[in-house]
């Protein structure tokens, strides 16, 4: 599951307040960690409570490090040296991310910081236009399109297209409700439209979020078989459009879905001692893009590297800050 769904906004806010209080009592008083997106603090960063959910942690934080306050979708100055080369599209017509590719995951509000020198970016599909994707491609990056495929969000521009009958219980984030994934005939064209948007903007892959409603309090009597059918539908839609697609969490169904998905996106498998369960992707020569929020890099990087994961520490609001392994 999306680990952030375990925390209600109030709980995250409490954690943030506690962390900020602890920081204010620190004797160091250093601001060096905010100087760049790749800062390396001595302590794990504090989580930030999201005010608008959906894209994980869509908050209204301060402008991410390394950017200037501009309108969303604006580009920043290109680095002089492009990132490492990325693999060409697979024979099947879509990109196949391989183990070990460094990545950046920025879903928080504000323009994407394009100065991070990594070959893969994962950014919000709705909030970034084609010019951002094109600018990242010009720097040699592959770009993943984040889309919420498992729950309704009231702030998305297509929210009115989803009938009330498709909306179940709250996910724990304001304005977000689980989909009734059994209704494939209704959800398929809506997801196809979102994937078409990603394709039209030039994205290389899809990251579909909240795609394990069957083990949540969704408000519907969903089964594992319902989830398998829905997730495979998503994979087929992506591949029909020449896009790679990642399996977001959903650890229990990795053995069944491994052939259908091209990479994995995982949150906090180290914290919950679950990383071995994601390792089948590596054995299949498929990348695992992994983040931890509460653990510092010295607590998880050794094992993550031994498994072949592409791992980093991020703040919960998923702004530009990152601390890679």
C-alpha atoms as a PDB file:
ATOM      1  CA  UNK A   1       0.000   0.000   0.000  1.00  0.00           C
ATOM      2  CA  UNK A   2       0.925   3.608  -0.236  1.00  0.00           C
ATOM      3  CA  UNK A   3       2.624   3.953   3.144  1.00  0.00           C
ATOM      4  CA  UNK A   4       1.541   7.551   3.478  1.00  0.00           C
ATOM      5  CA  UNK A   5      -2.032   6.321   3.649  1.00  0.00           C
ATOM      6  CA  UNK A   6      -1.219   4.865   7.059  1.00  0.00           C
ATOM      7  CA  UNK A   7      -0.921   8.395   8.392  1.00  0.00           C
ATOM      8  CA  UNK A   8      -3.855  10.742   8.659  1.00  0.00           C
ATOM      9  CA  UNK A   9      -3.097  14.381   7.849  1.00  0.00           C
ATOM     10  CA  UNK A  10      -3.507  15.211  11.538  1.00  0.00           C
ATOM     11  CA  UNK A  11      -0.947  12.590  12.509  1.00  0.00           C
ATOM     12  CA  UNK A  12       1.520  13.887   9.951  1.00  0.00           C
ATOM     13  CA  UNK A  13       0.975  17.437  11.168  1.00  0.00           C
ATOM     14  CA  UNK A  14       1.680  16.323  14.739  1.00  0.00           C
ATOM     15  CA  UNK A  15       4.871  14.579  13.639  1.00  0.00           C
ATOM     16  CA  UNK A  16       5.928  17.700  11.778  1.00  0.00           C
ATOM     17  CA  UNK A  17       5.304  19.958  14.760  1.00  0.00           C
ATOM     18  CA  UNK A  18       7.307  17.632  16.993  1.00  0.00           C
ATOM     19  CA  UNK A  19      10.171  17.507  14.536  1.00  0.00           C
ATOM     20  CA  UNK A  20      10.204  21.277  14.113  1.00  0.00           C
ATOM     21  CA  UNK A  21      10.255  21.750  17.896  1.00  0.00           C
ATOM     22  CA  UNK A  22      13.193  19.387  18.169  1.00  0.00           C
ATOM     23  CA  UNK A  23      14.979  21.281  15.404  1.00  0.00           C
ATOM     24  CA  UNK A  24      14.414  24.618  17.121  1.00  0.00           C
ATOM     25  CA  UNK A  25      16.038  23.212  20.262  1.00  0.00           C
ATOM     26  CA  UNK A  26      19.116  22.005  18.400  1.00  0.00           C
ATOM     27  CA  UNK A  27      22.380  23.774  19.066  1.00  0.00           C
ATOM     28  CA  UNK A  28      23.640  23.406  15.488  1.00  0.00           C
ATOM     29  CA  UNK A  29      21.434  26.054  13.883  1.00  0.00           C
ATOM     30  CA  UNK A  30      22.789  25.082  10.449  1.00  0.00           C
ATOM     31  CA  UNK A  31      20.813  25.839   7.278  1.00  0.00           C
ATOM     32  CA  UNK A  32      23.280  24.087   4.999  1.00  0.00           C
ATOM     33  CA  UNK A  33      20.873  21.222   4.291  1.00  0.00           C
ATOM     34  CA  UNK A  34      18.588  23.489   2.289  1.00  0.00           C
ATOM     35  CA  UNK A  35      21.269  24.771  -0.032  1.00  0.00           C
ATOM     36  CA  UNK A  36      20.631  22.188  -2.740  1.00  0.00           C
ATOM     37  CA  UNK A  37      18.291  19.384  -3.754  1.00  0.00           C
ATOM     38  CA  UNK A  38      21.016  16.873  -2.914  1.00  0.00           C
ATOM     39  CA  UNK A  39      21.782  18.147   0.577  1.00  0.00           C
ATOM     40  CA  UNK A  40      22.947  15.553   3.102  1.00  0.00           C
ATOM     41  CA  UNK A  41      21.731  16.381   6.632  1.00  0.00           C
ATOM     42  CA  UNK A  42      23.045  14.512   9.644  1.00  0.00           C
ATOM     43  CA  UNK A  43      19.497  13.695  10.772  1.00  0.00           C
ATOM     44  CA  UNK A  44      16.501  12.448   8.757  1.00  0.00           C
ATOM     45  CA  UNK A  45      14.301  15.289   7.444  1.00  0.00           C
ATOM     46  CA  UNK A  46      10.999  16.100   9.072  1.00  0.00           C
ATOM     47  CA  UNK A  47       7.847  14.994   7.286  1.00  0.00           C
ATOM     48  CA  UNK A  48       5.525  17.757   6.116  1.00  0.00           C
ATOM     49  CA  UNK A  49       1.762  17.452   6.383  1.00  0.00           C
ATOM     50  CA  UNK A  50       0.005  17.683   3.016  1.00  0.00           C
ATOM     51  CA  UNK A  51      -2.839  20.159   2.681  1.00  0.00           C
ATOM     52  CA  UNK A  52      -3.958  18.778  -0.650  1.00  0.00           C
ATOM     53  CA  UNK A  53      -3.497  15.054  -1.150  1.00  0.00           C
ATOM     54  CA  UNK A  54      -3.401  12.897  -4.212  1.00  0.00           C
ATOM     55  CA  UNK A  55       0.017  13.426  -5.623  1.00  0.00           C
ATOM     56  CA  UNK A  56       1.679  12.200  -2.463  1.00  0.00           C
ATOM     57  CA  UNK A  57       2.219  15.192  -0.314  1.00  0.00           C
ATOM     58  CA  UNK A  58       0.915  17.995  -2.516  1.00  0.00           C
ATOM     59  CA  UNK A  59       1.598  20.703   0.020  1.00  0.00           C
ATOM     60  CA  UNK A  60       2.247  24.392  -0.282  1.00  0.00           C
ATOM     61  CA  UNK A  61       5.811  24.294   1.022  1.00  0.00           C
ATOM     62  CA  UNK A  62       8.498  26.821   0.467  1.00  0.00           C
ATOM     63  CA  UNK A  63       9.970  26.791  -3.011  1.00  0.00           C
ATOM     64  CA  UNK A  64      12.034  23.597  -3.366  1.00  0.00           C
ATOM     65  CA  UNK A  65      15.780  24.010  -3.146  1.00  0.00           C
ATOM     66  CA  UNK A  66      17.431  24.850  -6.430  1.00  0.00           C
ATOM     67  CA  UNK A  67      14.374  26.524  -7.972  1.00  0.00           C
ATOM     68  CA  UNK A  68      13.064  30.041  -8.285  1.00  0.00           C
ATOM     69  CA  UNK A  69       9.464  31.013  -7.562  1.00  0.00           C
ATOM     70  CA  UNK A  70       7.812  30.708 -10.963  1.00  0.00           C
ATOM     71  CA  UNK A  71       4.562  29.303 -12.222  1.00  0.00           C
ATOM     72  CA  UNK A  72       4.128  25.495 -12.092  1.00  0.00           C
ATOM     73  CA  UNK A  73       5.460  23.856 -15.208  1.00  0.00           C
ATOM     74  CA  UNK A  74       8.202  26.419 -15.704  1.00  0.00           C
ATOM     75  CA  UNK A  75      11.672  25.116 -16.379  1.00  0.00           C
ATOM     76  CA  UNK A  76      14.905  25.950 -14.637  1.00  0.00           C
ATOM     77  CA  UNK A  77      18.415  26.359 -15.948  1.00  0.00           C
ATOM     78  CA  UNK A  78      19.821  23.205 -17.469  1.00  0.00           C
ATOM     79  CA  UNK A  79      22.948  21.718 -15.924  1.00  0.00           C
ATOM     80  CA  UNK A  80      26.027  21.874 -18.071  1.00  0.00           C
ATOM     81  CA  UNK A  81      26.647  18.144 -17.824  1.00  0.00           C
ATOM     82  CA  UNK A  82      23.837  15.713 -18.759  1.00  0.00           C
ATOM     83  CA  UNK A  83      23.069  12.674 -16.642  1.00  0.00           C
ATOM     84  CA  UNK A  84      24.265   9.170 -17.281  1.00  0.00           C
ATOM     85  CA  UNK A  85      22.864   7.566 -20.455  1.00  0.00           C
ATOM     86  CA  UNK A  86      19.644   5.638 -20.026  1.00  0.00           C
ATOM     87  CA  UNK A  87      18.749   2.411 -21.805  1.00  0.00           C
ATOM     88  CA  UNK A  88      16.928   2.655 -25.153  1.00  0.00           C
ATOM     89  CA  UNK A  89      13.329   1.467 -25.487  1.00  0.00           C
ATOM     90  CA  UNK A  90      12.852  -2.270 -25.159  1.00  0.00           C
ATOM     91  CA  UNK A  91      12.104  -4.414 -28.200  1.00  0.00           C
ATOM     92  CA  UNK A  92       8.428  -4.379 -27.237  1.00  0.00           C
ATOM     93  CA  UNK A  93       8.261  -0.675 -28.014  1.00  0.00           C
ATOM     94  CA  UNK A  94       8.551   0.860 -24.554  1.00  0.00           C
ATOM     95  CA  UNK A  95      11.370   1.829 -22.235  1.00  0.00           C
ATOM     96  CA  UNK A  96      12.607  -0.802 -19.785  1.00  0.00           C
ATOM     97  CA  UNK A  97      14.322   0.738 -16.732  1.00  0.00           C
ATOM     98  CA  UNK A  98      17.133  -1.505 -15.536  1.00  0.00           C
ATOM     99  CA  UNK A  99      18.475  -1.864 -11.980  1.00  0.00           C
ATOM    100  CA  UNK A 100      20.796   0.802 -10.650  1.00  0.00           C
ATOM    101  CA  UNK A 101      19.398   3.877 -12.425  1.00  0.00           C
ATOM    102  CA  UNK A 102      19.482   6.912 -10.135  1.00  0.00           C
ATOM    103  CA  UNK A 103      16.256   8.872  -9.982  1.00  0.00           C
ATOM    104  CA  UNK A 104      14.509  11.981  -8.720  1.00  0.00           C
ATOM    105  CA  UNK A 105      10.918  11.954  -7.439  1.00  0.00           C
ATOM    106  CA  UNK A 106       9.325  15.382  -7.158  1.00  0.00           C
ATOM    107  CA  UNK A 107       5.561  15.617  -6.706  1.00  0.00           C
ATOM    108  CA  UNK A 108       5.321  18.551  -4.308  1.00  0.00           C
ATOM    109  CA  UNK A 109       3.990  21.918  -5.411  1.00  0.00           C
ATOM    110  CA  UNK A 110       6.184  24.288  -7.365  1.00  0.00           C
ATOM    111  CA  UNK A 111       8.194  23.910 -10.553  1.00  0.00           C
ATOM    112  CA  UNK A 112      10.336  20.840 -11.088  1.00  0.00           C
ATOM    113  CA  UNK A 113      13.966  21.364 -10.139  1.00  0.00           C
ATOM    114  CA  UNK A 114      15.707  20.168 -13.290  1.00  0.00           C
ATOM    115  CA  UNK A 115      19.211  20.616 -11.915  1.00  0.00           C
ATOM    116  CA  UNK A 116      19.384  17.151 -10.302  1.00  0.00           C
ATOM    117  CA  UNK A 117      21.867  15.174 -12.390  1.00  0.00           C
ATOM    118  CA  UNK A 118      20.124  11.794 -12.617  1.00  0.00           C
ATOM    119  CA  UNK A 119      18.862   9.828 -15.629  1.00  0.00           C
ATOM    120  CA  UNK A 120      15.261   9.338 -14.396  1.00  0.00           C
ATOM    121  CA  UNK A 121      12.667  11.833 -13.153  1.00  0.00           C
ATOM    122  CA  UNK A 122       9.234  10.960 -11.744  1.00  0.00           C
ATOM    123  CA  UNK A 123       6.889  13.987 -11.764  1.00  0.00           C
ATOM    124  CA  UNK A 124       3.169  14.762 -11.630  1.00  0.00           C
ATOM    125  CA  UNK A 125       1.418  14.209 -14.960  1.00  0.00           C
ATOM    126  CA  UNK A 126      -1.262  16.838 -14.458  1.00  0.00           C
ATOM    127  CA  UNK A 127       0.899  19.592 -13.012  1.00  0.00           C
ATOM    128  CA  UNK A 128       3.657  19.539 -15.639  1.00  0.00           C
ATOM    129  CA  UNK A 129       3.213  20.369 -19.287  1.00  0.00           C
ATOM    130  CA  UNK A 130       4.981  19.030 -22.346  1.00  0.00           C
ATOM    131  CA  UNK A 131       7.665  21.716 -22.167  1.00  0.00           C
ATOM    132  CA  UNK A 132       8.941  20.310 -18.862  1.00  0.00           C
ATOM    133  CA  UNK A 133       9.136  16.793 -20.265  1.00  0.00           C
ATOM    134  CA  UNK A 134      10.851  18.073 -23.405  1.00  0.00           C
ATOM    135  CA  UNK A 135      13.395  20.047 -21.377  1.00  0.00           C
ATOM    136  CA  UNK A 136      14.224  16.971 -19.301  1.00  0.00           C
ATOM    137  CA  UNK A 137      14.565  14.866 -22.446  1.00  0.00           C
ATOM    138  CA  UNK A 138      16.988  17.452 -23.817  1.00  0.00           C
ATOM    139  CA  UNK A 139      19.152  16.788 -20.763  1.00  0.00           C
ATOM    140  CA  UNK A 140      19.138  13.036 -21.427  1.00  0.00           C
ATOM    141  CA  UNK A 141      16.489  12.146 -18.818  1.00  0.00           C
ATOM    142  CA  UNK A 142      13.672   9.634 -18.973  1.00  0.00           C
ATOM    143  CA  UNK A 143      10.480  10.973 -17.407  1.00  0.00           C
ATOM    144  CA  UNK A 144       7.805   9.034 -15.485  1.00  0.00           C
ATOM    145  CA  UNK A 145       4.240  10.367 -15.308  1.00  0.00           C
ATOM    146  CA  UNK A 146       2.701  10.177 -11.823  1.00  0.00           C
ATOM    147  CA  UNK A 147      -1.041   9.500 -11.979  1.00  0.00           C
ATOM    148  CA  UNK A 148      -3.399   8.506  -9.183  1.00  0.00           C
ATOM    149  CA  UNK A 149      -5.071   5.442 -10.671  1.00  0.00           C
ATOM    150  CA  UNK A 150      -6.765   4.044  -7.588  1.00  0.00           C
ATOM    151  CA  UNK A 151      -8.594   6.902  -5.921  1.00  0.00           C
ATOM    152  CA  UNK A 152     -10.620   9.969  -6.816  1.00  0.00           C
ATOM    153  CA  UNK A 153      -9.183  13.396  -6.047  1.00  0.00           C
ATOM    154  CA  UNK A 154     -11.470  16.399  -5.976  1.00  0.00           C
ATOM    155  CA  UNK A 155      -8.774  18.831  -7.123  1.00  0.00           C
ATOM    156  CA  UNK A 156      -7.927  17.125 -10.428  1.00  0.00           C
ATOM    157  CA  UNK A 157      -9.232  18.805 -13.598  1.00  0.00           C
ATOM    158  CA  UNK A 158     -11.085  15.642 -14.658  1.00  0.00           C
ATOM    159  CA  UNK A 159     -12.655  14.962 -11.255  1.00  0.00           C
ATOM    160  CA  UNK A 160     -16.222  15.504 -12.498  1.00  0.00           C
ATOM    161  CA  UNK A 161     -15.834  12.648 -14.976  1.00  0.00           C
ATOM    162  CA  UNK A 162     -15.871  10.135 -12.107  1.00  0.00           C
ATOM    163  CA  UNK A 163     -19.411   9.342 -10.972  1.00  0.00           C
ATOM    164  CA  UNK A 164     -20.353   9.194  -7.287  1.00  0.00           C
ATOM    165  CA  UNK A 165     -20.920   5.454  -7.693  1.00  0.00           C
ATOM    166  CA  UNK A 166     -17.194   5.033  -8.375  1.00  0.00           C
ATOM    167  CA  UNK A 167     -16.211   6.788  -5.149  1.00  0.00           C
ATOM    168  CA  UNK A 168     -15.931   4.849  -1.893  1.00  0.00           C
ATOM    169  CA  UNK A 169     -14.463   5.604   1.512  1.00  0.00           C
ATOM    170  CA  UNK A 170     -11.974   8.361   2.247  1.00  0.00           C
ATOM    171  CA  UNK A 171      -8.370   7.304   1.823  1.00  0.00           C
ATOM    172  CA  UNK A 172      -7.312   9.385   4.814  1.00  0.00           C
ATOM    173  CA  UNK A 173      -6.412  12.413   2.690  1.00  0.00           C
ATOM    174  CA  UNK A 174      -8.857  15.298   2.348  1.00  0.00           C
ATOM    175  CA  UNK A 175     -10.817  15.195  -0.885  1.00  0.00           C
ATOM    176  CA  UNK A 176      -9.664  11.691  -1.872  1.00  0.00           C
ATOM    177  CA  UNK A 177     -11.835   8.561  -2.086  1.00  0.00           C
ATOM    178  CA  UNK A 178     -11.113   4.997  -3.161  1.00  0.00           C
ATOM    179  CA  UNK A 179     -12.328   3.825  -6.570  1.00  0.00           C
ATOM    180  CA  UNK A 180     -14.610   0.847  -7.035  1.00  0.00           C
ATOM    181  CA  UNK A 181     -12.067  -0.979  -9.171  1.00  0.00           C
ATOM    182  CA  UNK A 182     -14.572  -3.715 -10.006  1.00  0.00           C
ATOM    183  CA  UNK A 183     -16.183  -1.305 -12.488  1.00  0.00           C
ATOM    184  CA  UNK A 184     -13.600  -1.779 -15.210  1.00  0.00           C
ATOM    185  CA  UNK A 185     -15.993  -0.688 -17.962  1.00  0.00           C
ATOM    186  CA  UNK A 186     -16.326   2.756 -16.370  1.00  0.00           C
ATOM    187  CA  UNK A 187     -12.774   3.228 -15.142  1.00  0.00           C
ATOM    188  CA  UNK A 188     -10.968   1.956 -18.232  1.00  0.00           C
ATOM    189  CA  UNK A 189     -11.838   4.902 -20.522  1.00  0.00           C
ATOM    190  CA  UNK A 190     -11.132   7.377 -17.725  1.00  0.00           C
ATOM    191  CA  UNK A 191      -7.706   5.877 -17.053  1.00  0.00           C
ATOM    192  CA  UNK A 192      -7.059   5.656 -20.807  1.00  0.00           C
ATOM    193  CA  UNK A 193      -7.689   9.405 -21.048  1.00  0.00           C
ATOM    194  CA  UNK A 194      -5.162  10.069 -18.299  1.00  0.00           C
ATOM    195  CA  UNK A 195      -2.605   7.810 -19.941  1.00  0.00           C
ATOM    196  CA  UNK A 196      -3.268   9.550 -23.265  1.00  0.00           C
ATOM    197  CA  UNK A 197      -2.445  12.827 -21.534  1.00  0.00           C
ATOM    198  CA  UNK A 198       0.881  11.386 -20.357  1.00  0.00           C
ATOM    199  CA  UNK A 199       1.599  10.119 -23.853  1.00  0.00           C
ATOM    200  CA  UNK A 200       0.707  13.445 -25.489  1.00  0.00           C
ATOM    201  CA  UNK A 201       3.091  15.283 -23.164  1.00  0.00           C
ATOM    202  CA  UNK A 202       5.939  12.974 -24.153  1.00  0.00           C
ATOM    203  CA  UNK A 203       6.351  10.971 -20.931  1.00  0.00           C
ATOM    204  CA  UNK A 204       8.197   7.645 -21.125  1.00  0.00           C
ATOM    205  CA  UNK A 205       6.379   5.758 -18.366  1.00  0.00           C
ATOM    206  CA  UNK A 206       3.502   5.755 -15.886  1.00  0.00           C
ATOM    207  CA  UNK A 207       3.574   5.565 -12.096  1.00  0.00           C
ATOM    208  CA  UNK A 208      -0.019   4.646 -11.092  1.00  0.00           C
ATOM    209  CA  UNK A 209      -0.623   5.338  -7.416  1.00  0.00           C
ATOM    210  CA  UNK A 210      -2.975   3.745  -4.821  1.00  0.00           C
ATOM    211  CA  UNK A 211      -3.391   0.491  -6.720  1.00  0.00           C
ATOM    212  CA  UNK A 212      -3.998  -1.852  -3.814  1.00  0.00           C
ATOM    213  CA  UNK A 213      -7.469  -0.892  -2.674  1.00  0.00           C
ATOM    214  CA  UNK A 214      -8.353  -4.526  -2.023  1.00  0.00           C
ATOM    215  CA  UNK A 215      -6.459  -4.529   1.296  1.00  0.00           C
ATOM    216  CA  UNK A 216      -7.721  -1.110   2.410  1.00  0.00           C
ATOM    217  CA  UNK A 217     -10.986   0.117   3.936  1.00  0.00           C
ATOM    218  CA  UNK A 218     -12.233   1.132   0.500  1.00  0.00           C
ATOM    219  CA  UNK A 219     -15.958   0.939   1.169  1.00  0.00           C
ATOM    220  CA  UNK A 220     -16.295  -1.869  -1.388  1.00  0.00           C
ATOM    221  CA  UNK A 221     -16.018  -5.666  -1.005  1.00  0.00           C
ATOM    222  CA  UNK A 222     -12.901  -5.889  -3.160  1.00  0.00           C
ATOM    223  CA  UNK A 223     -10.922  -9.094  -3.609  1.00  0.00           C
ATOM    224  CA  UNK A 224      -7.309  -9.733  -4.601  1.00  0.00           C
ATOM    225  CA  UNK A 225      -8.640 -10.942  -7.947  1.00  0.00           C
ATOM    226  CA  UNK A 226     -10.382  -7.590  -8.477  1.00  0.00           C
ATOM    227  CA  UNK A 227      -7.081  -5.828  -7.910  1.00  0.00           C
ATOM    228  CA  UNK A 228      -5.144  -8.126 -10.228  1.00  0.00           C
ATOM    229  CA  UNK A 229      -7.655  -7.521 -13.009  1.00  0.00           C
ATOM    230  CA  UNK A 230      -7.544  -3.768 -12.494  1.00  0.00           C
ATOM    231  CA  UNK A 231      -3.757  -3.527 -12.302  1.00  0.00           C
ATOM    232  CA  UNK A 232      -3.338  -5.667 -15.398  1.00  0.00           C
ATOM    233  CA  UNK A 233      -5.789  -3.410 -17.213  1.00  0.00           C
ATOM    234  CA  UNK A 234      -3.584  -0.440 -16.306  1.00  0.00           C
ATOM    235  CA  UNK A 235      -0.465  -2.222 -17.545  1.00  0.00           C
ATOM    236  CA  UNK A 236      -2.161  -3.061 -20.838  1.00  0.00           C
ATOM    237  CA  UNK A 237      -3.303   0.534 -21.333  1.00  0.00           C
ATOM    238  CA  UNK A 238       0.242   1.786 -20.778  1.00  0.00           C
ATOM    239  CA  UNK A 239       1.861  -0.740 -23.086  1.00  0.00           C
ATOM    240  CA  UNK A 240      -0.681  -0.074 -25.830  1.00  0.00           C
ATOM    241  CA  UNK A 241       0.561   3.512 -25.780  1.00  0.00           C
ATOM    242  CA  UNK A 242       4.243   2.574 -25.841  1.00  0.00           C
ATOM    243  CA  UNK A 243       4.688   3.557 -22.194  1.00  0.00           C
ATOM    244  CA  UNK A 244       6.442   1.610 -19.460  1.00  0.00           C
ATOM    245  CA  UNK A 245       4.542   1.201 -16.191  1.00  0.00           C
ATOM    246  CA  UNK A 246       5.632   0.660 -12.594  1.00  0.00           C
ATOM    247  CA  UNK A 247       4.007  -1.348  -9.831  1.00  0.00           C
ATOM    248  CA  UNK A 248       3.544   0.978  -6.856  1.00  0.00           C
ATOM    249  CA  UNK A 249       3.946  -0.983  -3.601  1.00  0.00           C
ATOM    250  CA  UNK A 250       1.275  -3.815  -3.650  1.00  0.00           C
ATOM    251  CA  UNK A 251       3.849  -6.249  -2.282  1.00  0.00           C
ATOM    252  CA  UNK A 252       1.522  -9.226  -1.897  1.00  0.00           C
ATOM    253  CA  UNK A 253       0.805  -9.310  -5.623  1.00  0.00           C
ATOM    254  CA  UNK A 254       4.350  -8.878  -6.928  1.00  0.00           C
ATOM    255  CA  UNK A 255       4.709 -12.588  -7.858  1.00  0.00           C
ATOM    256  CA  UNK A 256       1.542 -12.430  -9.975  1.00  0.00           C
ATOM    257  CA  UNK A 257       2.112  -8.984 -11.507  1.00  0.00           C
ATOM    258  CA  UNK A 258       5.860  -9.083 -12.159  1.00  0.00           C
ATOM    259  CA  UNK A 259       5.411 -10.108 -15.831  1.00  0.00           C
ATOM    260  CA  UNK A 260       2.975  -7.227 -16.432  1.00  0.00           C
ATOM    261  CA  UNK A 261       5.018  -4.359 -14.965  1.00  0.00           C
ATOM    262  CA  UNK A 262       8.338  -2.895 -16.081  1.00  0.00           C
ATOM    263  CA  UNK A 263       9.668  -1.552 -12.775  1.00  0.00           C
ATOM    264  CA  UNK A 264       8.644  -1.069  -9.163  1.00  0.00           C
ATOM    265  CA  UNK A 265       8.166   2.065  -7.077  1.00  0.00           C
ATOM    266  CA  UNK A 266       8.404   1.354  -3.370  1.00  0.00           C
ATOM    267  CA  UNK A 267       7.985   3.435  -0.236  1.00  0.00           C
ATOM    268  CA  UNK A 268       9.596   2.445   3.046  1.00  0.00           C
ATOM    269  CA  UNK A 269      10.301  -1.238   2.484  1.00  0.00           C
ATOM    270  CA  UNK A 270      13.361  -0.827   4.703  1.00  0.00           C
ATOM    271  CA  UNK A 271      11.408   0.656   7.574  1.00  0.00           C
ATOM    272  CA  UNK A 272       8.947  -2.236   7.445  1.00  0.00           C
ATOM    273  CA  UNK A 273      11.581  -4.898   6.670  1.00  0.00           C
ATOM    274  CA  UNK A 274       9.952  -5.818   3.363  1.00  0.00           C
ATOM    275  CA  UNK A 275      12.639  -5.083   0.748  1.00  0.00           C
ATOM    276  CA  UNK A 276      13.315  -8.751   0.024  1.00  0.00           C
ATOM    277  CA  UNK A 277       9.748  -8.983  -1.228  1.00  0.00           C
ATOM    278  CA  UNK A 278      10.468  -6.383  -3.922  1.00  0.00           C
ATOM    279  CA  UNK A 279      13.724  -8.044  -5.011  1.00  0.00           C
ATOM    280  CA  UNK A 280      12.062 -10.232  -7.713  1.00  0.00           C
ATOM    281  CA  UNK A 281      12.016  -7.131  -9.930  1.00  0.00           C
ATOM    282  CA  UNK A 282      15.795  -6.914  -9.739  1.00  0.00           C
ATOM    283  CA  UNK A 283      16.124 -10.617 -10.544  1.00  0.00           C
ATOM    284  CA  UNK A 284      14.003  -9.944 -13.629  1.00  0.00           C
ATOM    285  CA  UNK A 285      16.396  -7.099 -14.600  1.00  0.00           C
ATOM    286  CA  UNK A 286      13.765  -4.470 -13.793  1.00  0.00           C
ATOM    287  CA  UNK A 287      14.508  -1.361 -11.725  1.00  0.00           C
ATOM    288  CA  UNK A 288      13.254  -0.804  -8.194  1.00  0.00           C
ATOM    289  CA  UNK A 289      12.876   2.912  -7.443  1.00  0.00           C
ATOM    290  CA  UNK A 290      12.819   3.085  -3.645  1.00  0.00           C
ATOM    291  CA  UNK A 291      12.479   5.820  -1.011  1.00  0.00           C
ATOM    292  CA  UNK A 292      12.539   6.029   2.756  1.00  0.00           C
ATOM    293  CA  UNK A 293      11.110   8.943   4.718  1.00  0.00           C
ATOM    294  CA  UNK A 294      11.887   8.301   8.381  1.00  0.00           C
ATOM    295  CA  UNK A 295      15.166   6.390   8.074  1.00  0.00           C
ATOM    296  CA  UNK A 296      18.476   8.075   7.360  1.00  0.00           C
ATOM    297  CA  UNK A 297      20.608   6.700   4.538  1.00  0.00           C
ATOM    298  CA  UNK A 298      23.021   5.010   6.961  1.00  0.00           C
ATOM    299  CA  UNK A 299      20.091   2.903   8.153  1.00  0.00           C
ATOM    300  CA  UNK A 300      19.033   1.464   4.789  1.00  0.00           C
ATOM    301  CA  UNK A 301      21.502   2.146   1.973  1.00  0.00           C
ATOM    302  CA  UNK A 302      23.811  -0.798   2.605  1.00  0.00           C
ATOM    303  CA  UNK A 303      21.060  -3.363   2.126  1.00  0.00           C
ATOM    304  CA  UNK A 304      19.381  -1.375  -0.649  1.00  0.00           C
ATOM    305  CA  UNK A 305      22.625  -1.308  -2.604  1.00  0.00           C
ATOM    306  CA  UNK A 306      23.206  -5.010  -2.029  1.00  0.00           C
ATOM    307  CA  UNK A 307      19.761  -5.706  -3.487  1.00  0.00           C
ATOM    308  CA  UNK A 308      20.398  -3.469  -6.495  1.00  0.00           C
ATOM    309  CA  UNK A 309      17.728  -0.884  -5.632  1.00  0.00           C
ATOM    310  CA  UNK A 310      17.750   2.738  -6.778  1.00  0.00           C
ATOM    311  CA  UNK A 311      17.283   4.226  -3.326  1.00  0.00           C
ATOM    312  CA  UNK A 312      17.180   7.611  -1.656  1.00  0.00           C
ATOM    313  CA  UNK A 313      15.816   9.415   1.352  1.00  0.00           C
ATOM    314  CA  UNK A 314      13.044  11.940   0.671  1.00  0.00           C
ATOM    315  CA  UNK A 315      10.874  14.295   2.665  1.00  0.00           C
ATOM    316  CA  UNK A 316       7.233  13.280   2.864  1.00  0.00           C
ATOM    317  CA  UNK A 317       5.994  16.187   0.761  1.00  0.00           C
ATOM    318  CA  UNK A 318       8.235  14.967  -2.081  1.00  0.00           C
ATOM    319  CA  UNK A 319       9.760  18.318  -2.900  1.00  0.00           C
ATOM    320  CA  UNK A 320      13.110  18.579  -4.669  1.00  0.00           C
ATOM    321  CA  UNK A 321      15.222  17.620  -1.637  1.00  0.00           C
ATOM    322  CA  UNK A 322      16.830  14.188  -1.896  1.00  0.00           C
ATOM    323  CA  UNK A 323      19.622  12.264  -0.177  1.00  0.00           C
ATOM    324  CA  UNK A 324      20.626   9.365  -2.439  1.00  0.00           C
ATOM    325  CA  UNK A 325      22.428   6.216  -1.433  1.00  0.00           C
END
